[in-house]
Amino acid sequence: MSKAKKLLYSQKIAPYVFVLPYILSLLIFWLYPLVTGILMSFQNVTFGGKEWVGTAHYAKLLQDKFFGIAVSNSVEYMVLTLVLLIPIPMLLAVLMESRLTKAKGVWKLIMYIPALTSVVISGLLFRLMFSEGDNGQMNVILHMFGQPSFAWLKTKWTAWVGLLLLCMWRWTGVNMLYFVAGLKSIDNSVYESGEIDGANGWQKFRYITLPLLKPTTVYVVTISVFAGLSMFLESFMLWNGNSSPKNIGLTIVGYLYKRGIEKNDMGYACAVGVVLMIIALVINFIQLIATGTIKVGKKED
């Protein structure tokens, strides 16, 4: 056997060969764009070249009212999706795994199907549903009660009802399956011990299910924070573009797209992206500390 083959089949070298594609993809498609984006946030980027401007973009962000609106909308959307997409899928997962539910596989498939639908198609369907025209499904319902047509997507609270319904329709099933997987990891003997001690259904959920689902809950919260703050395409499709009435649908990523793609100001757009990353990391770091996943200031004996 040649020396090259001996190296290839070596038990010491083989693990590194298998992880090499992952390391290369991480460096090329994550680390390199991340470092480049951070550097570009300190530059004016044009077709003619780059000019170093220091922290000028970040100083401008502090006075940019549209960026403030985008941050406010994104944080509000993230909070509302957490309120909706954590407890509801968790309760559905508990119901799905209970003895009350028959044909569990069919229900899981039905709940997951919306996630397979393109965001473009989903957004188009919901835009038609909430259309201000007389043939929009929501206005058809209003007409059944003798009410006139309403411009749903031009008022913030009604437009956000549509946006949140779109989010719930697409992601409730996905989060439910995460919680189902978490429930399956809980040993039935724990529930049997609870029954022996006289625990009722609520007590078993409160003192057994919730604590033992903590790792799954932390994971779902973490990805939901990133998903909520980075939402863009749903808003883009619902308002048929990146311009919504009074910027009620403007998000951080939407503003990044507006400055970077529509106005060709890539340096400023990169600064927006860096701030988005910092906000997401800070919020997730806080929730990881709050849930005890990361322990700060405590030394183990």
Protein backbone atom coordinates (compact mmCIF):
# COMPACT_ATOMS: atom_id res chain seq x y z
CA MET A 1 0.00 0.00 0.00
CA SER A 2 1.35 3.42 -0.97
CA LYS A 3 2.12 6.09 1.59
CA ALA A 4 -0.82 8.23 0.37
CA LYS A 5 -3.27 5.36 0.88
CA LYS A 6 -1.87 4.64 4.31
CA LEU A 7 -2.52 8.24 5.28
CA LEU A 8 -6.04 8.14 3.80
CA TYR A 9 -6.97 4.95 5.65
CA SER A 10 -5.25 5.95 8.86
CA GLN A 11 -7.57 6.01 11.89
CA LYS A 12 -5.91 9.22 12.99
CA ILE A 13 -6.35 11.01 9.65
CA ALA A 14 -9.80 9.66 8.64
CA PRO A 15 -11.85 11.73 11.16
CA TYR A 16 -10.28 14.95 9.86
CA VAL A 17 -11.03 13.91 6.26
CA PHE A 18 -14.72 13.41 7.12
CA VAL A 19 -15.08 16.77 8.91
CA LEU A 20 -13.07 18.69 6.29
CA PRO A 21 -16.10 19.42 4.02
CA TYR A 22 -18.00 20.88 6.99
CA ILE A 23 -15.02 23.00 8.08
CA LEU A 24 -14.50 24.30 4.53
CA SER A 25 -18.20 25.15 4.10
CA LEU A 26 -18.19 26.88 7.49
CA LEU A 27 -15.16 28.98 6.55
CA ILE A 28 -16.32 29.80 3.02
CA PHE A 29 -20.06 30.33 3.51
CA TRP A 30 -20.21 31.63 7.12
CA LEU A 31 -16.95 32.96 8.55
CA TYR A 32 -15.72 34.70 5.39
CA PRO A 33 -19.04 36.50 4.69
CA LEU A 34 -19.31 37.43 8.39
CA VAL A 35 -15.85 39.01 8.54
CA THR A 36 -16.34 40.68 5.14
CA GLY A 37 -19.71 42.09 6.19
CA ILE A 38 -18.30 43.53 9.41
CA LEU A 39 -15.42 45.16 7.50
CA MET A 40 -17.81 46.56 4.88
CA SER A 41 -19.90 48.16 7.64
CA PHE A 42 -16.95 50.53 8.20
CA GLN A 43 -16.66 51.37 4.50
CA ASN A 44 -18.49 53.13 1.69
CA VAL A 45 -18.85 50.43 -0.95
CA THR A 46 -19.40 51.48 -4.56
CA PHE A 47 -18.79 49.96 -7.98
CA GLY A 48 -15.58 51.97 -8.15
CA GLY A 49 -14.14 50.61 -4.92
CA LYS A 50 -14.24 50.96 -1.16
CA GLU A 51 -13.58 53.93 1.09
CA TRP A 52 -12.93 53.57 4.83
CA VAL A 53 -15.37 55.76 6.84
CA GLY A 54 -14.91 54.33 10.33
CA THR A 55 -18.02 54.36 12.51
CA ALA A 56 -19.91 56.87 10.35
CA HIS A 57 -22.57 54.33 9.37
CA TYR A 58 -23.22 53.37 12.99
CA ALA A 59 -23.47 57.02 14.01
CA LYS A 60 -25.98 57.56 11.21
CA LEU A 61 -28.01 54.57 12.38
CA LEU A 62 -28.54 56.18 15.78
CA GLN A 63 -30.35 59.09 14.10
CA ASP A 64 -32.14 57.07 11.40
CA LYS A 65 -35.86 57.08 12.26
CA PHE A 66 -36.64 54.43 9.66
CA PHE A 67 -34.11 52.08 11.22
CA GLY A 68 -35.75 52.76 14.60
CA ILE A 69 -39.13 51.81 13.12
CA ALA A 70 -37.63 48.66 11.62
CA VAL A 71 -36.07 47.61 14.95
CA SER A 72 -39.31 48.32 16.81
CA ASN A 73 -41.36 46.29 14.31
CA SER A 74 -38.93 43.37 14.32
CA VAL A 75 -38.70 43.18 18.11
CA GLU A 76 -42.49 43.46 18.42
CA TYR A 77 -42.95 40.72 15.82
CA MET A 78 -40.40 38.51 17.60
CA VAL A 79 -42.14 38.92 20.97
CA LEU A 80 -45.57 38.18 19.52
CA THR A 81 -44.34 35.09 17.69
CA LEU A 82 -42.72 33.82 20.89
CA VAL A 83 -46.02 34.31 22.74
CA LEU A 84 -47.88 32.39 20.04
CA LEU A 85 -45.38 29.83 18.78
CA ILE A 86 -44.09 28.46 22.08
CA PRO A 87 -47.15 27.65 24.27
CA ILE A 88 -49.59 26.73 21.47
CA PRO A 89 -47.31 24.17 19.72
CA MET A 90 -46.31 22.80 23.14
CA LEU A 91 -49.94 22.21 24.13
CA LEU A 92 -50.68 20.70 20.71
CA ALA A 93 -47.72 18.36 21.12
CA VAL A 94 -48.99 17.24 24.53
CA LEU A 95 -52.43 16.68 23.03
CA MET A 96 -50.89 14.84 20.07
CA GLU A 97 -49.04 12.44 22.38
CA SER A 98 -52.02 11.86 24.66
CA ARG A 99 -54.37 8.87 24.50
CA LEU A 100 -57.15 11.16 23.26
CA THR A 101 -55.65 11.57 19.79
CA LYS A 102 -56.19 8.91 17.14
CA ALA A 103 -54.35 8.66 13.80
CA LYS A 104 -51.43 10.68 15.18
CA GLY A 105 -49.34 10.25 12.06
CA VAL A 106 -52.06 11.78 9.88
CA TRP A 107 -52.45 14.81 12.17
CA LYS A 108 -48.69 15.35 12.29
CA LEU A 109 -48.56 15.29 8.49
CA ILE A 110 -51.44 17.76 8.21
CA MET A 111 -49.80 20.12 10.71
CA TYR A 112 -46.43 19.95 8.93
CA ILE A 113 -47.67 20.46 5.35
CA PRO A 114 -47.82 24.31 5.58
CA ALA A 115 -44.08 24.41 6.32
CA LEU A 116 -43.46 22.74 2.96
CA THR A 117 -45.26 25.56 1.17
CA SER A 118 -43.08 28.31 -0.28
CA VAL A 119 -43.12 31.60 1.64
CA VAL A 120 -43.84 33.31 -1.68
CA ILE A 121 -46.96 31.21 -2.25
CA SER A 122 -48.04 31.52 1.39
CA GLY A 123 -47.61 35.30 1.36
CA LEU A 124 -49.53 35.59 -1.90
CA LEU A 125 -52.43 33.53 -0.53
CA PHE A 126 -52.66 35.62 2.63
CA ARG A 127 -52.42 38.86 0.62
CA LEU A 128 -55.42 37.70 -1.39
CA MET A 129 -57.24 36.71 1.81
CA PHE A 130 -56.71 40.14 3.36
CA SER A 131 -57.24 42.08 0.14
CA GLU A 132 -59.21 45.32 0.48
CA GLY A 133 -61.29 44.33 -2.54
CA ASP A 134 -64.84 42.98 -2.20
CA ASN A 135 -63.69 39.50 -3.22
CA GLY A 136 -61.06 39.16 -0.48
CA GLN A 137 -61.95 36.28 1.84
CA MET A 138 -61.90 38.43 4.98
CA ASN A 139 -64.15 41.02 3.37
CA VAL A 140 -66.48 38.27 2.16
CA ILE A 141 -66.86 37.26 5.83
CA LEU A 142 -67.57 40.90 6.74
CA HIS A 143 -70.24 41.07 4.03
CA MET A 144 -71.95 38.03 5.58
CA PHE A 145 -72.49 40.14 8.71
CA GLY A 146 -73.62 43.18 6.76
CA GLN A 147 -70.33 45.08 7.14
CA PRO A 148 -68.57 47.01 4.34
CA SER A 149 -65.19 46.06 2.92
CA PHE A 150 -62.14 46.99 4.99
CA ALA A 151 -58.55 47.82 3.99
CA TRP A 152 -56.95 45.17 6.21
CA LEU A 153 -53.35 45.75 5.19
CA LYS A 154 -53.41 49.53 5.66
CA THR A 155 -54.05 49.49 9.42
CA LYS A 156 -51.31 48.15 11.67
CA TRP A 157 -53.28 45.93 14.03
CA THR A 158 -55.35 44.26 11.31
CA ALA A 159 -52.32 43.90 9.03
CA TRP A 160 -50.35 42.32 11.85
CA VAL A 161 -53.19 39.89 12.49
CA GLY A 162 -52.67 38.69 8.93
CA LEU A 163 -48.88 38.62 9.33
CA LEU A 164 -49.07 36.63 12.58
CA LEU A 165 -51.67 34.25 11.15
CA LEU A 166 -49.32 33.61 8.24
CA CYS A 167 -46.48 32.92 10.68
CA MET A 168 -48.63 30.60 12.81
CA TRP A 169 -49.97 28.75 9.77
CA ARG A 170 -46.46 28.00 8.53
CA TRP A 171 -44.56 27.29 11.76
CA THR A 172 -46.98 25.90 14.36
CA GLY A 173 -46.62 22.39 12.97
CA VAL A 174 -42.82 22.60 12.89
CA ASN A 175 -42.54 23.73 16.51
CA MET A 176 -45.12 21.14 17.52
CA LEU A 177 -42.93 18.39 16.06
CA TYR A 178 -39.93 19.73 18.01
CA PHE A 179 -41.95 19.44 21.21
CA VAL A 180 -43.24 15.99 20.20
CA ALA A 181 -39.62 14.85 19.85
CA GLY A 182 -38.90 16.30 23.29
CA LEU A 183 -41.89 14.51 24.82
CA LYS A 184 -40.76 11.19 23.38
CA SER A 185 -37.48 11.54 25.28
CA ILE A 186 -39.34 11.62 28.62
CA ASP A 187 -39.52 8.19 30.24
CA ASN A 188 -43.10 7.03 30.89
CA SER A 189 -42.00 5.72 34.27
CA VAL A 190 -41.74 9.34 35.46
CA TYR A 191 -45.44 9.89 34.70
CA GLU A 192 -46.32 6.55 36.30
CA SER A 193 -44.52 7.63 39.47
CA GLY A 194 -46.49 10.85 39.41
CA GLU A 195 -49.78 8.97 39.09
CA ILE A 196 -48.82 6.74 42.03
CA ASP A 197 -48.21 9.89 44.09
CA GLY A 198 -51.68 11.15 43.13
CA ALA A 199 -50.71 13.80 40.58
CA ASN A 200 -53.51 14.93 38.27
CA GLY A 201 -53.12 15.94 34.62
CA TRP A 202 -52.22 19.57 35.32
CA GLN A 203 -49.72 18.63 38.03
CA LYS A 204 -47.99 16.15 35.72
CA PHE A 205 -47.76 18.82 33.03
CA ARG A 206 -46.53 21.49 35.47
CA TYR A 207 -44.04 19.45 37.48
CA ILE A 208 -42.94 16.76 34.99
CA THR A 209 -43.53 17.80 31.38
CA LEU A 210 -42.45 21.44 31.59
CA PRO A 211 -39.16 20.86 33.47
CA LEU A 212 -38.16 17.88 31.33
CA LEU A 213 -39.05 19.76 28.13
CA LYS A 214 -36.69 22.58 29.06
CA PRO A 215 -33.90 21.66 26.58
CA THR A 216 -36.42 21.53 23.72
CA THR A 217 -38.07 24.76 24.86
CA VAL A 218 -34.72 26.58 25.02
CA TYR A 219 -33.90 25.37 21.50
CA VAL A 220 -37.27 26.44 20.08
CA VAL A 221 -37.03 29.85 21.79
CA THR A 222 -33.51 30.35 20.43
CA ILE A 223 -34.40 29.63 16.81
CA SER A 224 -37.65 31.60 17.16
CA VAL A 225 -35.75 34.69 18.32
CA PHE A 226 -33.51 34.55 15.24
CA ALA A 227 -36.48 33.80 12.96
CA GLY A 228 -38.54 36.64 14.39
CA LEU A 229 -35.80 39.25 14.10
CA SER A 230 -34.78 38.15 10.60
CA MET A 231 -38.30 38.02 9.15
CA PHE A 232 -38.49 39.65 5.71
CA LEU A 233 -40.06 37.63 2.93
CA GLU A 234 -43.41 37.21 4.69
CA SER A 235 -43.77 40.99 5.01
CA PHE A 236 -42.46 41.53 1.48
CA MET A 237 -45.08 39.22 -0.01
CA LEU A 238 -47.96 40.38 2.18
CA TRP A 239 -47.52 44.01 1.06
CA ASN A 240 -46.40 43.08 -2.47
CA GLY A 241 -43.04 44.79 -1.99
CA ASN A 242 -40.83 46.45 0.57
CA SER A 243 -43.06 49.51 0.98
CA SER A 244 -45.96 49.21 3.41
CA PRO A 245 -48.34 51.99 4.53
CA LYS A 246 -46.55 54.15 7.14
CA ASN A 247 -43.83 51.43 7.27
CA ILE A 248 -46.04 49.16 9.40
CA GLY A 249 -44.40 46.12 7.80
CA LEU A 250 -40.82 47.39 7.68
CA THR A 251 -38.38 45.00 9.38
CA ILE A 252 -34.64 45.14 10.02
CA VAL A 253 -33.89 42.78 7.14
CA GLY A 254 -36.37 44.68 4.98
CA TYR A 255 -34.51 47.91 5.72
CA LEU A 256 -31.21 46.16 5.01
CA TYR A 257 -32.62 45.10 1.63
CA LYS A 258 -33.90 48.62 0.95
CA ARG A 259 -30.53 50.26 1.64
CA GLY A 260 -28.30 47.57 0.19
CA ILE A 261 -30.20 46.39 -2.89
CA GLU A 262 -32.67 49.14 -3.73
CA LYS A 263 -30.36 52.09 -2.93
CA ASN A 264 -27.02 50.31 -3.54
CA ASP A 265 -25.60 51.44 -0.19
CA MET A 266 -23.92 48.19 0.80
CA GLY A 267 -21.74 49.66 3.53
CA TYR A 268 -24.74 51.07 5.39
CA ALA A 269 -26.69 47.85 4.80
CA CYS A 270 -23.84 45.84 6.34
CA ALA A 271 -23.97 48.09 9.40
CA VAL A 272 -27.69 47.32 9.69
CA GLY A 273 -26.87 43.61 9.44
CA VAL A 274 -24.20 43.80 12.13
CA VAL A 275 -26.62 45.56 14.50
CA LEU A 276 -29.22 42.88 13.76
CA MET A 277 -26.69 40.18 14.64
CA ILE A 278 -25.77 41.94 17.90
CA ILE A 279 -29.44 42.36 18.89
CA ALA A 280 -30.17 38.69 18.21
CA LEU A 281 -27.09 37.52 20.12
CA VAL A 282 -27.83 39.75 23.12
CA ILE A 283 -31.48 38.65 23.35
CA ASN A 284 -30.57 34.98 23.06
CA PHE A 285 -27.73 35.35 25.56
CA ILE A 286 -30.15 36.92 28.05
CA GLN A 287 -32.72 34.15 27.59
CA LEU A 288 -30.04 31.46 27.92
CA ILE A 289 -28.94 33.02 31.23
CA ALA A 290 -32.57 33.42 32.37
CA THR A 291 -33.30 29.76 31.69
CA GLY A 292 -30.12 28.61 33.43
CA THR A 293 -28.62 27.16 30.24
CA ILE A 294 -25.61 29.43 30.67
CA LYS A 295 -24.47 30.02 34.22
CA VAL A 296 -22.71 33.31 34.89
CA GLY A 297 -20.78 34.17 38.04
CA LYS A 298 -21.15 30.74 39.62
CA LYS A 299 -18.31 28.32 40.21
CA GLU A 300 -18.94 24.63 40.49
CA ASP A 301 -17.50 22.99 43.59
